[in-house]
Amino acid sequence: MTSYGPSYGPPSASLVDILDRVLDKGLVVAGDIQISLANVELLTIRIRLLVCSIDKAEQIGLNWWRYDQSLVRPAGAAEPLAGGEAAGPETVARLEARIAELERRLAEHSAPNTPASTPTSTPARAGRRRGAR
């Protein structure tokens, strides 16, 4: 008879537990790669990687993302539009004028008894299928 007792191995942890611990405590990976030929150093690559939560990074004094110009908009700056253009007061006024113009043209087009709203004449054969007699 085989008995199944408690396991005395290391406790298993889920991926979520491991990720939570890494983000809470932080993880640092550091390394150097050097390529040399005949004792002449040709290339050195230094790798430093820190994985942690934003709260932990701020606790240890890393907050470069707050001051990087490519990541931070100046205070009071408008959010860019899809084309990369900033939505300042001039752009908003120009867009509002364009909307007003389009609404005016739409009203003219949909008004009754105007030449723009009458359907154009179509040839008699346009409605028939090809080959039908």
N, C-alpha and C. Protein backbone atom coordinates (compact mmCIF):
# COMPACT_ATOMS: atom_id res chain seq x y z
N MET A 1 0.84 -1.16 0.00
CA MET A 1 0.00 0.00 0.00
C MET A 1 0.89 1.23 0.00
N THR A 2 0.58 2.16 -0.90
CA THR A 2 1.36 3.38 -1.03
C THR A 2 0.67 4.50 -0.27
N SER A 3 1.43 5.20 0.55
CA SER A 3 0.82 6.33 1.26
C SER A 3 1.30 7.63 0.63
N TYR A 4 0.39 8.51 0.52
CA TYR A 4 0.71 9.82 -0.04
C TYR A 4 0.74 10.82 1.10
N GLY A 5 1.91 11.15 1.55
CA GLY A 5 2.07 12.08 2.66
C GLY A 5 2.39 13.47 2.15
N PRO A 6 2.65 14.37 3.07
CA PRO A 6 2.98 15.74 2.67
C PRO A 6 4.32 15.80 1.96
N SER A 7 4.42 16.69 1.02
CA SER A 7 5.66 16.88 0.27
C SER A 7 6.55 17.85 1.02
N TYR A 8 7.83 17.52 1.09
CA TYR A 8 8.77 18.38 1.81
C TYR A 8 9.68 19.15 0.87
N GLY A 9 9.29 19.28 -0.38
CA GLY A 9 10.06 20.05 -1.35
C GLY A 9 9.80 21.54 -1.19
N PRO A 10 10.42 22.35 -2.04
CA PRO A 10 10.18 23.80 -1.95
C PRO A 10 8.74 24.12 -2.34
N PRO A 11 8.15 25.12 -1.70
CA PRO A 11 6.76 25.45 -2.03
C PRO A 11 6.66 26.00 -3.46
N SER A 12 5.61 25.62 -4.13
CA SER A 12 5.45 26.09 -5.50
C SER A 12 4.80 27.48 -5.48
N ALA A 13 5.21 28.32 -6.40
CA ALA A 13 4.65 29.67 -6.50
C ALA A 13 4.12 29.86 -7.91
N SER A 14 3.04 30.58 -7.99
CA SER A 14 2.47 30.83 -9.31
C SER A 14 3.21 32.01 -9.96
N LEU A 15 3.00 32.17 -11.23
CA LEU A 15 3.63 33.25 -11.98
C LEU A 15 3.20 34.61 -11.43
N VAL A 16 1.96 34.72 -11.01
CA VAL A 16 1.46 35.97 -10.45
C VAL A 16 2.20 36.33 -9.16
N ASP A 17 2.43 35.31 -8.31
CA ASP A 17 3.16 35.55 -7.06
C ASP A 17 4.59 36.01 -7.34
N ILE A 18 5.23 35.38 -8.31
CA ILE A 18 6.60 35.74 -8.65
C ILE A 18 6.66 37.16 -9.21
N LEU A 19 5.74 37.49 -10.11
CA LEU A 19 5.71 38.82 -10.69
C LEU A 19 5.42 39.88 -9.63
N ASP A 20 4.51 39.58 -8.72
CA ASP A 20 4.20 40.52 -7.63
C ASP A 20 5.43 40.77 -6.77
N ARG A 21 6.15 39.72 -6.47
CA ARG A 21 7.36 39.87 -5.64
C ARG A 21 8.45 40.65 -6.36
N VAL A 22 8.64 40.37 -7.66
CA VAL A 22 9.66 41.09 -8.43
C VAL A 22 9.33 42.57 -8.51
N LEU A 23 8.06 42.89 -8.78
CA LEU A 23 7.67 44.29 -8.89
C LEU A 23 7.73 45.00 -7.54
N ASP A 24 7.45 44.28 -6.47
CA ASP A 24 7.48 44.88 -5.13
C ASP A 24 8.92 45.10 -4.66
N LYS A 25 9.77 44.11 -4.82
CA LYS A 25 11.15 44.20 -4.33
C LYS A 25 12.10 44.77 -5.38
N GLY A 26 11.87 44.44 -6.63
CA GLY A 26 12.76 44.88 -7.70
C GLY A 26 13.72 43.77 -8.09
N LEU A 27 14.19 43.85 -9.31
CA LEU A 27 15.13 42.87 -9.84
C LEU A 27 16.16 43.61 -10.66
N VAL A 28 17.43 43.37 -10.39
CA VAL A 28 18.50 44.04 -11.11
C VAL A 28 19.31 42.99 -11.85
N VAL A 29 19.50 43.22 -13.13
CA VAL A 29 20.36 42.38 -13.94
C VAL A 29 21.46 43.27 -14.48
N ALA A 30 22.71 42.90 -14.24
CA ALA A 30 23.84 43.70 -14.71
C ALA A 30 24.84 42.78 -15.38
N GLY A 31 25.43 43.27 -16.44
CA GLY A 31 26.42 42.46 -17.13
C GLY A 31 27.21 43.28 -18.12
N ASP A 32 28.38 42.79 -18.45
CA ASP A 32 29.25 43.43 -19.43
C ASP A 32 29.62 42.40 -20.49
N ILE A 33 29.63 42.82 -21.72
CA ILE A 33 30.07 41.98 -22.83
C ILE A 33 31.24 42.69 -23.49
N GLN A 34 32.35 42.00 -23.59
CA GLN A 34 33.53 42.59 -24.23
C GLN A 34 33.96 41.69 -25.38
N ILE A 35 34.22 42.32 -26.50
CA ILE A 35 34.73 41.60 -27.67
C ILE A 35 36.13 42.11 -27.93
N SER A 36 37.08 41.17 -27.89
CA SER A 36 38.49 41.53 -28.08
C SER A 36 39.10 40.64 -29.14
N LEU A 37 40.10 41.17 -29.80
CA LEU A 37 40.84 40.42 -30.81
C LEU A 37 42.31 40.69 -30.58
N ALA A 38 43.07 39.66 -30.28
CA ALA A 38 44.50 39.77 -30.01
C ALA A 38 44.77 40.79 -28.90
N ASN A 39 44.04 40.65 -27.82
CA ASN A 39 44.15 41.53 -26.64
C ASN A 39 43.86 42.99 -26.94
N VAL A 40 43.14 43.26 -28.02
CA VAL A 40 42.70 44.62 -28.33
C VAL A 40 41.17 44.63 -28.19
N GLU A 41 40.71 45.46 -27.29
CA GLU A 41 39.27 45.52 -27.05
C GLU A 41 38.60 46.24 -28.22
N LEU A 42 37.70 45.56 -28.89
CA LEU A 42 37.01 46.13 -30.04
C LEU A 42 35.66 46.72 -29.64
N LEU A 43 34.96 46.07 -28.73
CA LEU A 43 33.62 46.49 -28.39
C LEU A 43 33.31 46.11 -26.95
N THR A 44 32.70 47.04 -26.23
CA THR A 44 32.23 46.77 -24.88
C THR A 44 30.77 47.18 -24.79
N ILE A 45 29.96 46.28 -24.32
CA ILE A 45 28.54 46.56 -24.13
C ILE A 45 28.24 46.36 -22.65
N ARG A 46 27.71 47.40 -22.04
CA ARG A 46 27.33 47.32 -20.63
C ARG A 46 25.81 47.25 -20.56
N ILE A 47 25.33 46.24 -19.88
CA ILE A 47 23.90 46.04 -19.77
C ILE A 47 23.49 46.19 -18.31
N ARG A 48 22.54 47.07 -18.08
CA ARG A 48 21.98 47.26 -16.76
C ARG A 48 20.46 47.25 -16.92
N LEU A 49 19.79 46.39 -16.21
CA LEU A 49 18.35 46.26 -16.33
C LEU A 49 17.75 46.24 -14.93
N LEU A 50 16.77 47.10 -14.72
CA LEU A 50 16.05 47.15 -13.45
C LEU A 50 14.58 46.91 -13.74
N VAL A 51 14.01 45.90 -13.10
CA VAL A 51 12.59 45.61 -13.25
C VAL A 51 11.95 45.79 -11.89
N CYS A 52 11.04 46.76 -11.81
CA CYS A 52 10.33 47.00 -10.55
C CYS A 52 9.09 47.83 -10.85
N SER A 53 8.27 48.04 -9.85
CA SER A 53 7.08 48.87 -10.03
C SER A 53 7.49 50.34 -10.02
N ILE A 54 6.60 51.20 -10.49
CA ILE A 54 6.88 52.64 -10.51
C ILE A 54 7.03 53.16 -9.09
N ASP A 55 6.21 52.66 -8.17
CA ASP A 55 6.32 53.09 -6.78
C ASP A 55 7.69 52.75 -6.20
N LYS A 56 8.18 51.55 -6.47
CA LYS A 56 9.49 51.14 -5.96
C LYS A 56 10.59 51.96 -6.61
N ALA A 57 10.47 52.24 -7.91
CA ALA A 57 11.48 53.04 -8.59
C ALA A 57 11.56 54.44 -7.99
N GLU A 58 10.41 55.03 -7.68
CA GLU A 58 10.42 56.36 -7.07
C GLU A 58 10.99 56.31 -5.66
N GLN A 59 10.78 55.21 -4.95
CA GLN A 59 11.35 55.07 -3.60
C GLN A 59 12.87 55.06 -3.64
N ILE A 60 13.44 54.48 -4.68
CA ILE A 60 14.91 54.41 -4.76
C ILE A 60 15.50 55.55 -5.57
N GLY A 61 14.67 56.50 -5.96
CA GLY A 61 15.17 57.71 -6.60
C GLY A 61 15.23 57.68 -8.12
N LEU A 62 14.59 56.72 -8.73
CA LEU A 62 14.54 56.67 -10.19
C LEU A 62 13.21 57.22 -10.66
N ASN A 63 13.22 58.40 -11.25
CA ASN A 63 11.99 58.99 -11.78
C ASN A 63 12.29 59.80 -13.04
N TRP A 64 13.17 59.28 -13.87
CA TRP A 64 13.58 59.98 -15.09
C TRP A 64 12.41 60.21 -16.04
N TRP A 65 11.39 59.37 -16.01
CA TRP A 65 10.26 59.51 -16.94
C TRP A 65 9.45 60.77 -16.66
N ARG A 66 9.59 61.36 -15.48
CA ARG A 66 8.88 62.60 -15.17
C ARG A 66 9.49 63.80 -15.87
N TYR A 67 10.77 63.70 -16.25
CA TYR A 67 11.47 64.85 -16.81
C TYR A 67 11.94 64.65 -18.25
N ASP A 68 11.73 63.50 -18.82
CA ASP A 68 12.13 63.23 -20.20
C ASP A 68 11.20 63.99 -21.14
N GLN A 69 11.76 64.85 -21.98
CA GLN A 69 10.96 65.70 -22.87
C GLN A 69 10.14 64.90 -23.87
N SER A 70 10.61 63.73 -24.25
CA SER A 70 9.86 62.93 -25.22
C SER A 70 8.69 62.19 -24.56
N LEU A 71 8.65 62.14 -23.24
CA LEU A 71 7.58 61.43 -22.55
C LEU A 71 6.61 62.35 -21.83
N VAL A 72 7.03 63.58 -21.55
CA VAL A 72 6.23 64.49 -20.74
C VAL A 72 5.84 65.71 -21.56
N ARG A 73 4.53 66.07 -21.55
CA ARG A 73 4.06 67.29 -22.18
C ARG A 73 4.24 68.44 -21.21
N PRO A 74 4.63 69.60 -21.68
CA PRO A 74 4.68 70.76 -20.79
C PRO A 74 3.30 71.07 -20.24
N ALA A 75 3.26 71.65 -19.05
CA ALA A 75 1.99 71.97 -18.42
C ALA A 75 1.22 72.95 -19.29
N GLY A 76 -0.06 72.69 -19.50
CA GLY A 76 -0.91 73.56 -20.31
C GLY A 76 -0.85 73.28 -21.79
N ALA A 77 0.01 72.36 -22.22
CA ALA A 77 0.09 72.04 -23.65
C ALA A 77 -1.10 71.18 -24.04
N ALA A 78 -1.57 71.41 -25.25
CA ALA A 78 -2.71 70.65 -25.74
C ALA A 78 -2.27 69.27 -26.17
N GLU A 79 -3.20 68.34 -26.10
CA GLU A 79 -2.91 66.98 -26.54
C GLU A 79 -2.86 66.95 -28.07
N PRO A 80 -1.86 66.26 -28.65
CA PRO A 80 -1.77 66.25 -30.11
C PRO A 80 -2.92 65.50 -30.76
N LEU A 81 -3.26 65.93 -31.98
CA LEU A 81 -4.30 65.26 -32.75
C LEU A 81 -3.70 64.06 -33.45
N ALA A 82 -4.52 63.34 -34.20
CA ALA A 82 -4.06 62.12 -34.88
C ALA A 82 -2.94 62.42 -35.86
N GLY A 83 -2.95 63.58 -36.51
CA GLY A 83 -1.91 63.91 -37.48
C GLY A 83 -0.66 64.46 -36.83
N GLY A 84 -0.58 64.49 -35.51
CA GLY A 84 0.59 65.01 -34.83
C GLY A 84 0.49 66.49 -34.54
N GLU A 85 -0.58 67.13 -34.98
CA GLU A 85 -0.77 68.57 -34.81
C GLU A 85 -1.35 68.82 -33.43
N ALA A 86 -0.84 69.82 -32.72
CA ALA A 86 -1.36 70.14 -31.40
C ALA A 86 -2.71 70.81 -31.53
N ALA A 87 -3.63 70.49 -30.64
CA ALA A 87 -4.99 71.04 -30.69
C ALA A 87 -5.03 72.33 -29.89
N GLY A 88 -4.38 73.37 -30.40
CA GLY A 88 -4.39 74.67 -29.75
C GLY A 88 -5.64 75.43 -30.12
N PRO A 89 -5.78 76.66 -29.61
CA PRO A 89 -6.98 77.46 -29.90
C PRO A 89 -7.17 77.72 -31.39
N GLU A 90 -6.08 77.93 -32.15
CA GLU A 90 -6.21 78.18 -33.59
C GLU A 90 -6.74 76.95 -34.30
N THR A 91 -6.25 75.79 -33.92
CA THR A 91 -6.69 74.55 -34.56
C THR A 91 -8.16 74.29 -34.27
N VAL A 92 -8.58 74.52 -33.04
CA VAL A 92 -9.97 74.31 -32.67
C VAL A 92 -10.87 75.25 -33.46
N ALA A 93 -10.46 76.53 -33.58
CA ALA A 93 -11.26 77.49 -34.33
C ALA A 93 -11.35 77.09 -35.81
N ARG A 94 -10.24 76.62 -36.36
CA ARG A 94 -10.23 76.18 -37.76
C ARG A 94 -11.14 74.97 -37.95
N LEU A 95 -11.11 74.03 -37.02
CA LEU A 95 -11.97 72.85 -37.13
C LEU A 95 -13.44 73.21 -36.97
N GLU A 96 -13.75 74.14 -36.06
CA GLU A 96 -15.13 74.57 -35.90
C GLU A 96 -15.64 75.26 -37.15
N ALA A 97 -14.79 76.07 -37.81
CA ALA A 97 -15.18 76.73 -39.06
C ALA A 97 -15.42 75.69 -40.15
N ARG A 98 -14.60 74.66 -40.19
CA ARG A 98 -14.76 73.60 -41.19
C ARG A 98 -16.07 72.85 -40.95
N ILE A 99 -16.38 72.56 -39.70
CA ILE A 99 -17.64 71.87 -39.38
C ILE A 99 -18.84 72.72 -39.79
N ALA A 100 -18.77 74.03 -39.51
CA ALA A 100 -19.87 74.94 -39.88
C ALA A 100 -20.05 74.95 -41.40
N GLU A 101 -18.95 74.98 -42.15
CA GLU A 101 -19.02 74.96 -43.61
C GLU A 101 -19.64 73.67 -44.12
N LEU A 102 -19.25 72.54 -43.55
CA LEU A 102 -19.81 71.26 -43.98
C LEU A 102 -21.29 71.16 -43.63
N GLU A 103 -21.67 71.67 -42.47
CA GLU A 103 -23.09 71.66 -42.11
C GLU A 103 -23.90 72.54 -43.05
N ARG A 104 -23.36 73.69 -43.46
CA ARG A 104 -24.05 74.58 -44.40
C ARG A 104 -24.23 73.87 -45.74
N ARG A 105 -23.18 73.22 -46.22
CA ARG A 105 -23.26 72.52 -47.51
C ARG A 105 -24.25 71.36 -47.44
N LEU A 106 -24.28 70.67 -46.31
CA LEU A 106 -25.22 69.57 -46.15
C LEU A 106 -26.66 70.09 -46.14
N ALA A 107 -26.89 71.21 -45.49
CA ALA A 107 -28.23 71.80 -45.45
C ALA A 107 -28.67 72.22 -46.85
N GLU A 108 -27.75 72.79 -47.64
CA GLU A 108 -28.09 73.17 -49.02
C GLU A 108 -28.41 71.95 -49.85
N HIS A 109 -27.66 70.91 -49.66
CA HIS A 109 -27.84 69.69 -50.46
C HIS A 109 -29.14 68.98 -50.12
N SER A 110 -29.54 68.99 -48.87
CA SER A 110 -30.74 68.25 -48.48
C SER A 110 -32.01 69.08 -48.48
N ALA A 111 -31.90 70.37 -48.85
CA ALA A 111 -33.09 71.21 -48.91
C ALA A 111 -33.98 70.77 -50.07
N PRO A 112 -35.33 70.77 -49.91
CA PRO A 112 -36.23 70.33 -51.00
C PRO A 112 -36.27 71.36 -52.12
N ASN A 113 -36.60 70.88 -53.34
CA ASN A 113 -36.77 71.71 -54.53
C ASN A 113 -35.53 72.49 -54.92
N THR A 114 -34.38 71.91 -54.68
CA THR A 114 -33.15 72.54 -55.17
C THR A 114 -32.55 71.62 -56.21
N PRO A 115 -31.82 72.18 -57.16
CA PRO A 115 -31.23 71.32 -58.19
C PRO A 115 -30.29 70.28 -57.62
N ALA A 116 -29.65 70.57 -56.50
CA ALA A 116 -28.70 69.61 -55.94
C ALA A 116 -29.41 68.39 -55.37
N SER A 117 -30.70 68.53 -54.97
CA SER A 117 -31.38 67.41 -54.33
C SER A 117 -32.16 66.55 -55.31
N THR A 118 -32.34 67.00 -56.56
CA THR A 118 -33.08 66.19 -57.52
C THR A 118 -32.17 65.12 -58.06
N PRO A 119 -32.70 63.91 -58.21
CA PRO A 119 -31.86 62.83 -58.70
C PRO A 119 -31.52 63.04 -60.17
N THR A 120 -30.35 62.61 -60.52
CA THR A 120 -29.93 62.73 -61.91
C THR A 120 -30.62 61.66 -62.72
N SER A 121 -30.86 61.95 -64.02
CA SER A 121 -31.52 60.98 -64.88
C SER A 121 -30.55 59.87 -65.22
N THR A 122 -31.07 58.66 -65.27
CA THR A 122 -30.23 57.51 -65.59
C THR A 122 -30.72 56.91 -66.88
N PRO A 123 -29.86 56.33 -67.66
CA PRO A 123 -30.30 55.67 -68.89
C PRO A 123 -31.26 54.54 -68.58
N ALA A 124 -32.15 54.25 -69.52
CA ALA A 124 -33.18 53.23 -69.32
C ALA A 124 -32.58 51.86 -69.13
N ARG A 125 -31.44 51.59 -69.73
CA ARG A 125 -30.85 50.26 -69.66
C ARG A 125 -30.04 50.08 -68.38
N ALA A 126 -29.79 51.14 -67.60
CA ALA A 126 -28.92 51.02 -66.42
C ALA A 126 -29.51 50.07 -65.40
N GLY A 127 -30.82 49.97 -65.29
CA GLY A 127 -31.44 49.12 -64.29
C GLY A 127 -31.49 47.65 -64.71
N ARG A 128 -31.31 47.35 -65.99
CA ARG A 128 -31.41 45.95 -66.45
C ARG A 128 -30.11 45.21 -66.22
N ARG A 129 -30.27 43.90 -66.05
CA ARG A 129 -29.09 43.05 -65.96
C ARG A 129 -28.54 42.80 -67.35
N ARG A 130 -27.26 42.59 -67.37
CA ARG A 130 -26.63 42.32 -68.65
C ARG A 130 -27.15 41.01 -69.20
N GLY A 131 -27.51 41.01 -70.43
CA GLY A 131 -27.98 39.78 -71.11
C GLY A 131 -29.47 39.56 -70.98
N ALA A 132 -30.15 40.34 -70.11
CA ALA A 132 -31.60 40.15 -69.95
C ALA A 132 -32.31 40.87 -71.09
N ARG A 133 -33.35 40.26 -71.68
CA ARG A 133 -34.09 40.88 -72.78
C ARG A 133 -35.53 40.89 -72.53
